[in-house]
Amino acid sequence: MAERERRMSRPFGGVFVPRTRVMDQADVHRAVTRIAHEIIERNAGLEGVVLIGLQTGGVSLARSLAASLARIVLSDGTYGVSEEDVAGGAEDLVPVGTLDVALYRDDIGLRPVMPEAVTSIPVDLSGRTVVLVDDVLFTGRTIRAALDALTDFGRPRAVQLAVMVDRGHRELPIRPDYVGKNLPTRRDEVVDVHDAGVDLGDMVKDARR
């Protein structure tokens, strides 16, 4: 989960206590590889594709996807990609940007605005296929805010959504195009995506507070 959601999950001032490991590191790696293949298949290659990771949880996932996409097209002569094409790294092949949507959220005034990090979009998005990347899809309100934010950086040809975990409880008509795992949850549970995998647990009151 993004640090913003971690801080705002009840009880405020609580700590995350994992209860179940629902995906281990190998599971996450396989899911990233599968999603990368699906992105290539759906878009008939990678021409014009840009990955935009949502701060904070989607950024590392977007970079992992870029690396996986590069490995796949380098190993498949169909796409005519050479080592020279990615000499500077995977992002030479698939641009990767970051987007903080704090100022575009529809709950400003209901809770504190907490920008996570600077937004960095490396290319004009006009006419490109943008793949928004996030770790967990929940109500859909963060994605709605991201769609609003993207209009400041051009008019994409299409916008697609990739998430590691879809936990349900949607409040808006938003559906991901690429999913690592569909995970039924209670609304008060917390899903935490991290380097070692994905945990399901709860926020509990920090006794030190």
C-alpha atoms as a PDB file:
ATOM      1  CA  MET A   1       0.000   0.000   0.000  1.00  0.00           C
ATOM      2  CA  ALA A   2       1.144   3.564  -0.574  1.00  0.00           C
ATOM      3  CA  GLU A   3       2.589   5.364   2.408  1.00  0.00           C
ATOM      4  CA  ARG A   4      -0.287   7.848   2.246  1.00  0.00           C
ATOM      5  CA  GLU A   5      -2.827   5.062   2.678  1.00  0.00           C
ATOM      6  CA  ARG A   6      -0.723   3.478   5.412  1.00  0.00           C
ATOM      7  CA  ARG A   7      -0.814   6.713   7.411  1.00  0.00           C
ATOM      8  CA  MET A   8      -4.519   7.313   6.815  1.00  0.00           C
ATOM      9  CA  SER A   9      -5.759   3.776   7.545  1.00  0.00           C
ATOM     10  CA  ARG A  10      -7.541   3.476  10.857  1.00  0.00           C
ATOM     11  CA  PRO A  11      -6.498   3.474  13.598  1.00  0.00           C
ATOM     12  CA  PHE A  12      -4.545   6.638  12.844  1.00  0.00           C
ATOM     13  CA  GLY A  13      -1.126   6.298  14.375  1.00  0.00           C
ATOM     14  CA  GLY A  14      -1.373   2.516  13.983  1.00  0.00           C
ATOM     15  CA  VAL A  15       1.111   0.029  12.605  1.00  0.00           C
ATOM     16  CA  PHE A  16       0.590  -2.622   9.963  1.00  0.00           C
ATOM     17  CA  VAL A  17       0.538  -6.193  11.309  1.00  0.00           C
ATOM     18  CA  PRO A  18       0.734  -8.829   8.545  1.00  0.00           C
ATOM     19  CA  ARG A  19      -1.479 -11.878   8.966  1.00  0.00           C
ATOM     20  CA  THR A  20      -1.043 -13.811   5.722  1.00  0.00           C
ATOM     21  CA  ARG A  21       1.582 -13.826   2.973  1.00  0.00           C
ATOM     22  CA  VAL A  22      -0.597 -14.049  -0.137  1.00  0.00           C
ATOM     23  CA  MET A  23       2.237 -13.723  -2.687  1.00  0.00           C
ATOM     24  CA  ASP A  24       5.911 -14.401  -2.168  1.00  0.00           C
ATOM     25  CA  GLN A  25       8.763 -12.824  -4.102  1.00  0.00           C
ATOM     26  CA  ALA A  26       8.659 -15.505  -6.803  1.00  0.00           C
ATOM     27  CA  ASP A  27       4.892 -15.027  -7.208  1.00  0.00           C
ATOM     28  CA  VAL A  28       5.376 -11.290  -7.723  1.00  0.00           C
ATOM     29  CA  HIS A  29       8.128 -11.907 -10.269  1.00  0.00           C
ATOM     30  CA  ARG A  30       5.903 -14.295 -12.228  1.00  0.00           C
ATOM     31  CA  ALA A  31       3.031 -11.814 -12.128  1.00  0.00           C
ATOM     32  CA  VAL A  32       5.257  -9.000 -13.419  1.00  0.00           C
ATOM     33  CA  THR A  33       6.484 -11.211 -16.252  1.00  0.00           C
ATOM     34  CA  ARG A  34       2.937 -12.249 -17.182  1.00  0.00           C
ATOM     35  CA  ILE A  35       1.689  -8.646 -17.141  1.00  0.00           C
ATOM     36  CA  ALA A  36       4.641  -7.618 -19.335  1.00  0.00           C
ATOM     37  CA  HIS A  37       3.724 -10.279 -21.903  1.00  0.00           C
ATOM     38  CA  GLU A  38       0.099  -9.108 -21.816  1.00  0.00           C
ATOM     39  CA  ILE A  39       1.118  -5.474 -22.394  1.00  0.00           C
ATOM     40  CA  ILE A  40       3.191  -6.454 -25.430  1.00  0.00           C
ATOM     41  CA  GLU A  41       0.426  -8.655 -26.833  1.00  0.00           C
ATOM     42  CA  ARG A  42      -2.345  -6.119 -26.329  1.00  0.00           C
ATOM     43  CA  ASN A  43      -0.343  -3.271 -27.892  1.00  0.00           C
ATOM     44  CA  ALA A  44       1.311  -5.341 -30.647  1.00  0.00           C
ATOM     45  CA  GLY A  45       4.718  -4.368 -29.310  1.00  0.00           C
ATOM     46  CA  LEU A  46       5.930  -1.382 -27.329  1.00  0.00           C
ATOM     47  CA  GLU A  47       5.904   1.463 -29.819  1.00  0.00           C
ATOM     48  CA  GLY A  48       4.459   4.537 -28.144  1.00  0.00           C
ATOM     49  CA  VAL A  49       3.998   2.803 -24.763  1.00  0.00           C
ATOM     50  CA  VAL A  50       4.844   4.764 -21.597  1.00  0.00           C
ATOM     51  CA  LEU A  51       4.689   3.409 -18.041  1.00  0.00           C
ATOM     52  CA  ILE A  52       3.590   5.828 -15.308  1.00  0.00           C
ATOM     53  CA  GLY A  53       4.023   4.601 -11.739  1.00  0.00           C
ATOM     54  CA  LEU A  54       1.763   6.165  -9.121  1.00  0.00           C
ATOM     55  CA  GLN A  55       3.532   7.433  -6.012  1.00  0.00           C
ATOM     56  CA  THR A  56       4.459   5.656  -3.967  1.00  0.00           C
ATOM     57  CA  GLY A  57       3.461   2.037  -4.404  1.00  0.00           C
ATOM     58  CA  GLY A  58       3.394   1.925  -8.198  1.00  0.00           C
ATOM     59  CA  VAL A  59       6.836   3.345  -8.908  1.00  0.00           C
ATOM     60  CA  SER A  60       8.965   0.289  -8.181  1.00  0.00           C
ATOM     61  CA  LEU A  61       6.414  -1.918  -9.955  1.00  0.00           C
ATOM     62  CA  ALA A  62       6.584   0.283 -13.068  1.00  0.00           C
ATOM     63  CA  ARG A  63      10.365  -0.010 -13.133  1.00  0.00           C
ATOM     64  CA  SER A  64      10.183  -3.781 -12.696  1.00  0.00           C
ATOM     65  CA  LEU A  65       7.723  -3.944 -15.585  1.00  0.00           C
ATOM     66  CA  ALA A  66      10.037  -1.868 -17.787  1.00  0.00           C
ATOM     67  CA  ALA A  67      12.916  -4.264 -17.088  1.00  0.00           C
ATOM     68  CA  SER A  68      10.732  -7.286 -17.822  1.00  0.00           C
ATOM     69  CA  LEU A  69       9.426  -5.743 -21.056  1.00  0.00           C
ATOM     70  CA  ALA A  70      12.992  -5.096 -22.204  1.00  0.00           C
ATOM     71  CA  ARG A  71      14.041  -8.683 -21.479  1.00  0.00           C
ATOM     72  CA  ILE A  72      11.084 -10.065 -23.410  1.00  0.00           C
ATOM     73  CA  VAL A  73      11.552  -8.024 -26.585  1.00  0.00           C
ATOM     74  CA  LEU A  74      15.332  -8.576 -26.561  1.00  0.00           C
ATOM     75  CA  SER A  75      14.773 -12.330 -26.494  1.00  0.00           C
ATOM     76  CA  ASP A  76      12.167 -12.211 -29.279  1.00  0.00           C
ATOM     77  CA  GLY A  77      13.498 -11.237 -32.699  1.00  0.00           C
ATOM     78  CA  THR A  78       9.952 -10.409 -33.828  1.00  0.00           C
ATOM     79  CA  TYR A  79      10.225  -6.842 -32.542  1.00  0.00           C
ATOM     80  CA  GLY A  80      13.613  -5.978 -34.065  1.00  0.00           C
ATOM     81  CA  VAL A  81      15.051  -4.676 -30.788  1.00  0.00           C
ATOM     82  CA  SER A  82      18.804  -4.907 -30.237  1.00  0.00           C
ATOM     83  CA  GLU A  83      21.066  -4.525 -27.223  1.00  0.00           C
ATOM     84  CA  GLU A  84      21.992  -1.073 -28.521  1.00  0.00           C
ATOM     85  CA  ASP A  85      18.353  -0.004 -28.284  1.00  0.00           C
ATOM     86  CA  VAL A  86      18.458  -0.451 -24.495  1.00  0.00           C
ATOM     87  CA  ALA A  87      22.111   0.407 -23.907  1.00  0.00           C
ATOM     88  CA  GLY A  88      21.121   3.022 -21.361  1.00  0.00           C
ATOM     89  CA  GLY A  89      18.705   0.723 -19.546  1.00  0.00           C
ATOM     90  CA  ALA A  90      15.152  -0.551 -19.916  1.00  0.00           C
ATOM     91  CA  GLU A  91      13.760   2.988 -19.889  1.00  0.00           C
ATOM     92  CA  ASP A  92      15.442   3.622 -23.265  1.00  0.00           C
ATOM     93  CA  LEU A  93      12.906   1.161 -24.661  1.00  0.00           C
ATOM     94  CA  VAL A  94       9.892   1.994 -22.483  1.00  0.00           C
ATOM     95  CA  PRO A  95       9.872   5.440 -20.848  1.00  0.00           C
ATOM     96  CA  VAL A  96       8.954   5.325 -17.147  1.00  0.00           C
ATOM     97  CA  GLY A  97       7.470   8.278 -15.311  1.00  0.00           C
ATOM     98  CA  THR A  98       6.179   8.907 -11.802  1.00  0.00           C
ATOM     99  CA  LEU A  99       2.976  10.665 -10.813  1.00  0.00           C
ATOM    100  CA  ASP A 100       1.812  12.000  -7.463  1.00  0.00           C
ATOM    101  CA  VAL A 101      -1.942  12.595  -7.508  1.00  0.00           C
ATOM    102  CA  ALA A 102      -2.324  14.143  -4.036  1.00  0.00           C
ATOM    103  CA  LEU A 103      -3.491  17.521  -5.360  1.00  0.00           C
ATOM    104  CA  TYR A 104      -5.995  15.910  -7.754  1.00  0.00           C
ATOM    105  CA  ARG A 105      -7.835  13.780  -5.213  1.00  0.00           C
ATOM    106  CA  ASP A 106     -11.550  14.340  -4.597  1.00  0.00           C
ATOM    107  CA  ASP A 107     -11.181  14.167  -0.811  1.00  0.00           C
ATOM    108  CA  ILE A 108      -9.146  17.362  -0.400  1.00  0.00           C
ATOM    109  CA  GLY A 109     -10.657  19.119   2.604  1.00  0.00           C
ATOM    110  CA  LEU A 110     -11.774  15.805   4.098  1.00  0.00           C
ATOM    111  CA  ARG A 111      -8.266  14.761   5.074  1.00  0.00           C
ATOM    112  CA  PRO A 112      -4.795  16.337   4.953  1.00  0.00           C
ATOM    113  CA  VAL A 113      -3.117  16.715   1.570  1.00  0.00           C
ATOM    114  CA  MET A 114       0.173  14.828   1.727  1.00  0.00           C
ATOM    115  CA  PRO A 115       2.185  14.924  -1.497  1.00  0.00           C
ATOM    116  CA  GLU A 116       4.523  11.921  -1.604  1.00  0.00           C
ATOM    117  CA  ALA A 117       7.174  12.927  -4.145  1.00  0.00           C
ATOM    118  CA  VAL A 118       7.711  15.021  -7.220  1.00  0.00           C
ATOM    119  CA  THR A 119       5.966  14.081 -10.442  1.00  0.00           C
ATOM    120  CA  SER A 120       8.328  13.229 -13.296  1.00  0.00           C
ATOM    121  CA  ILE A 121       6.920  12.582 -16.779  1.00  0.00           C
ATOM    122  CA  PRO A 122       9.835  12.129 -19.216  1.00  0.00           C
ATOM    123  CA  VAL A 123       7.912  12.542 -22.495  1.00  0.00           C
ATOM    124  CA  ASP A 124       4.915  14.338 -23.959  1.00  0.00           C
ATOM    125  CA  LEU A 125       2.026  11.891 -23.536  1.00  0.00           C
ATOM    126  CA  SER A 126       0.091  13.118 -26.579  1.00  0.00           C
ATOM    127  CA  GLY A 127      -0.661  10.249 -28.947  1.00  0.00           C
ATOM    128  CA  ARG A 128       1.001   7.648 -26.719  1.00  0.00           C
ATOM    129  CA  THR A 129      -0.387   4.640 -24.884  1.00  0.00           C
ATOM    130  CA  VAL A 130      -0.021   5.277 -21.170  1.00  0.00           C
ATOM    131  CA  VAL A 131       0.006   2.318 -18.795  1.00  0.00           C
ATOM    132  CA  LEU A 132      -0.766   3.565 -15.294  1.00  0.00           C
ATOM    133  CA  VAL A 133       0.880   1.282 -12.735  1.00  0.00           C
ATOM    134  CA  ASP A 134      -0.097   0.926  -9.072  1.00  0.00           C
ATOM    135  CA  ASP A 135       0.441  -1.667  -6.395  1.00  0.00           C
ATOM    136  CA  VAL A 136      -3.136  -2.046  -5.096  1.00  0.00           C
ATOM    137  CA  LEU A 137      -6.477  -1.130  -6.678  1.00  0.00           C
ATOM    138  CA  PHE A 138      -9.111  -0.434  -4.033  1.00  0.00           C
ATOM    139  CA  THR A 139     -11.904   2.168  -4.368  1.00  0.00           C
ATOM    140  CA  GLY A 140     -10.646   3.513  -7.694  1.00  0.00           C
ATOM    141  CA  ARG A 141     -10.439   7.098  -6.472  1.00  0.00           C
ATOM    142  CA  THR A 142      -6.649   7.280  -6.809  1.00  0.00           C
ATOM    143  CA  ILE A 143      -6.934   6.167 -10.439  1.00  0.00           C
ATOM    144  CA  ARG A 144      -9.632   8.776 -11.093  1.00  0.00           C
ATOM    145  CA  ALA A 145      -7.260  11.409  -9.729  1.00  0.00           C
ATOM    146  CA  ALA A 146      -4.452  10.053 -11.920  1.00  0.00           C
ATOM    147  CA  LEU A 147      -6.623  10.346 -15.026  1.00  0.00           C
ATOM    148  CA  ASP A 148      -7.255  14.001 -14.185  1.00  0.00           C
ATOM    149  CA  ALA A 149      -3.544  14.601 -13.572  1.00  0.00           C
ATOM    150  CA  LEU A 150      -2.525  13.080 -16.915  1.00  0.00           C
ATOM    151  CA  THR A 151      -4.340  15.830 -18.820  1.00  0.00           C
ATOM    152  CA  ASP A 152      -1.591  18.246 -17.721  1.00  0.00           C
ATOM    153  CA  PHE A 153       0.954  16.245 -19.724  1.00  0.00           C
ATOM    154  CA  GLY A 154      -0.805  15.768 -23.059  1.00  0.00           C
ATOM    155  CA  ARG A 155      -3.670  13.809 -24.566  1.00  0.00           C
ATOM    156  CA  PRO A 156      -2.801  10.092 -24.621  1.00  0.00           C
ATOM    157  CA  ARG A 157      -4.088   7.892 -27.419  1.00  0.00           C
ATOM    158  CA  ALA A 158      -5.171   5.394 -24.759  1.00  0.00           C
ATOM    159  CA  VAL A 159      -4.770   4.840 -21.033  1.00  0.00           C
ATOM    160  CA  GLN A 160      -4.469   1.352 -19.571  1.00  0.00           C
ATOM    161  CA  LEU A 161      -4.178   0.245 -15.951  1.00  0.00           C
ATOM    162  CA  ALA A 162      -1.861  -2.363 -14.439  1.00  0.00           C
ATOM    163  CA  VAL A 163      -1.992  -3.337 -10.762  1.00  0.00           C
ATOM    164  CA  MET A 164      -0.357  -6.045  -8.715  1.00  0.00           C
ATOM    165  CA  VAL A 165      -3.440  -6.612  -6.514  1.00  0.00           C
ATOM    166  CA  ASP A 166      -7.108  -5.886  -7.154  1.00  0.00           C
ATOM    167  CA  ARG A 167      -8.747  -6.095  -3.745  1.00  0.00           C
ATOM    168  CA  GLY A 168     -12.266  -5.038  -4.767  1.00  0.00           C
ATOM    169  CA  HIS A 169     -14.556  -2.542  -2.979  1.00  0.00           C
ATOM    170  CA  ARG A 170     -14.737  -0.234  -5.996  1.00  0.00           C
ATOM    171  CA  GLU A 171     -16.560   3.081  -5.565  1.00  0.00           C
ATOM    172  CA  LEU A 172     -16.089   4.201  -9.173  1.00  0.00           C
ATOM    173  CA  PRO A 173     -16.528   2.347 -12.500  1.00  0.00           C
ATOM    174  CA  ILE A 174     -12.816   1.619 -12.931  1.00  0.00           C
ATOM    175  CA  ARG A 175     -11.416  -1.762 -13.977  1.00  0.00           C
ATOM    176  CA  PRO A 176      -7.773  -2.781 -14.467  1.00  0.00           C
ATOM    177  CA  ASP A 177      -6.482  -4.089 -17.795  1.00  0.00           C
ATOM    178  CA  TYR A 178      -3.660  -6.103 -16.198  1.00  0.00           C
ATOM    179  CA  VAL A 179      -3.833  -7.748 -12.760  1.00  0.00           C
ATOM    180  CA  GLY A 180      -1.238  -9.708 -10.833  1.00  0.00           C
ATOM    181  CA  LYS A 181      -3.764 -11.161  -8.369  1.00  0.00           C
ATOM    182  CA  ASN A 182      -7.435 -10.702  -7.558  1.00  0.00           C
ATOM    183  CA  LEU A 183      -7.661 -10.773  -3.768  1.00  0.00           C
ATOM    184  CA  PRO A 184     -11.026 -10.693  -1.986  1.00  0.00           C
ATOM    185  CA  THR A 185     -10.710  -8.651   1.213  1.00  0.00           C
ATOM    186  CA  ARG A 186     -12.741  -7.130   3.972  1.00  0.00           C
ATOM    187  CA  ARG A 187     -12.907  -3.378   3.669  1.00  0.00           C
ATOM    188  CA  ASP A 188     -11.037  -2.881   6.964  1.00  0.00           C
ATOM    189  CA  GLU A 189      -8.141  -5.156   5.980  1.00  0.00           C
ATOM    190  CA  VAL A 190      -4.883  -3.802   4.586  1.00  0.00           C
ATOM    191  CA  VAL A 191      -2.899  -5.107   1.602  1.00  0.00           C
ATOM    192  CA  ASP A 192       0.835  -4.385   1.653  1.00  0.00           C
ATOM    193  CA  VAL A 193       2.944  -4.882  -1.501  1.00  0.00           C
ATOM    194  CA  HIS A 194       6.696  -4.844  -0.823  1.00  0.00           C
ATOM    195  CA  ASP A 195       9.981  -6.228  -2.139  1.00  0.00           C
ATOM    196  CA  ALA A 196       9.490  -9.663  -0.550  1.00  0.00           C
ATOM    197  CA  GLY A 197       5.902 -10.185  -1.671  1.00  0.00           C
ATOM    198  CA  VAL A 198       2.341  -9.244  -0.725  1.00  0.00           C
ATOM    199  CA  ASP A 199       0.915  -9.418   2.794  1.00  0.00           C
ATOM    200  CA  LEU A 200      -2.665  -9.205   4.024  1.00  0.00           C
ATOM    201  CA  GLY A 201      -3.136  -7.870   7.529  1.00  0.00           C
ATOM    202  CA  ASP A 202      -4.529  -5.161   9.769  1.00  0.00           C
ATOM    203  CA  MET A 203      -3.637  -1.767  11.130  1.00  0.00           C
ATOM    204  CA  VAL A 204      -3.462  -1.862  14.942  1.00  0.00           C
ATOM    205  CA  LYS A 205      -2.972   0.873  17.491  1.00  0.00           C
ATOM    206  CA  ASP A 206       0.662   1.590  18.209  1.00  0.00           C
ATOM    207  CA  ALA A 207       1.074   1.029  21.961  1.00  0.00           C
ATOM    208  CA  ARG A 208       3.958   3.502  22.009  1.00  0.00           C
ATOM    209  CA  ARG A 209       1.634   6.381  21.163  1.00  0.00           C
END
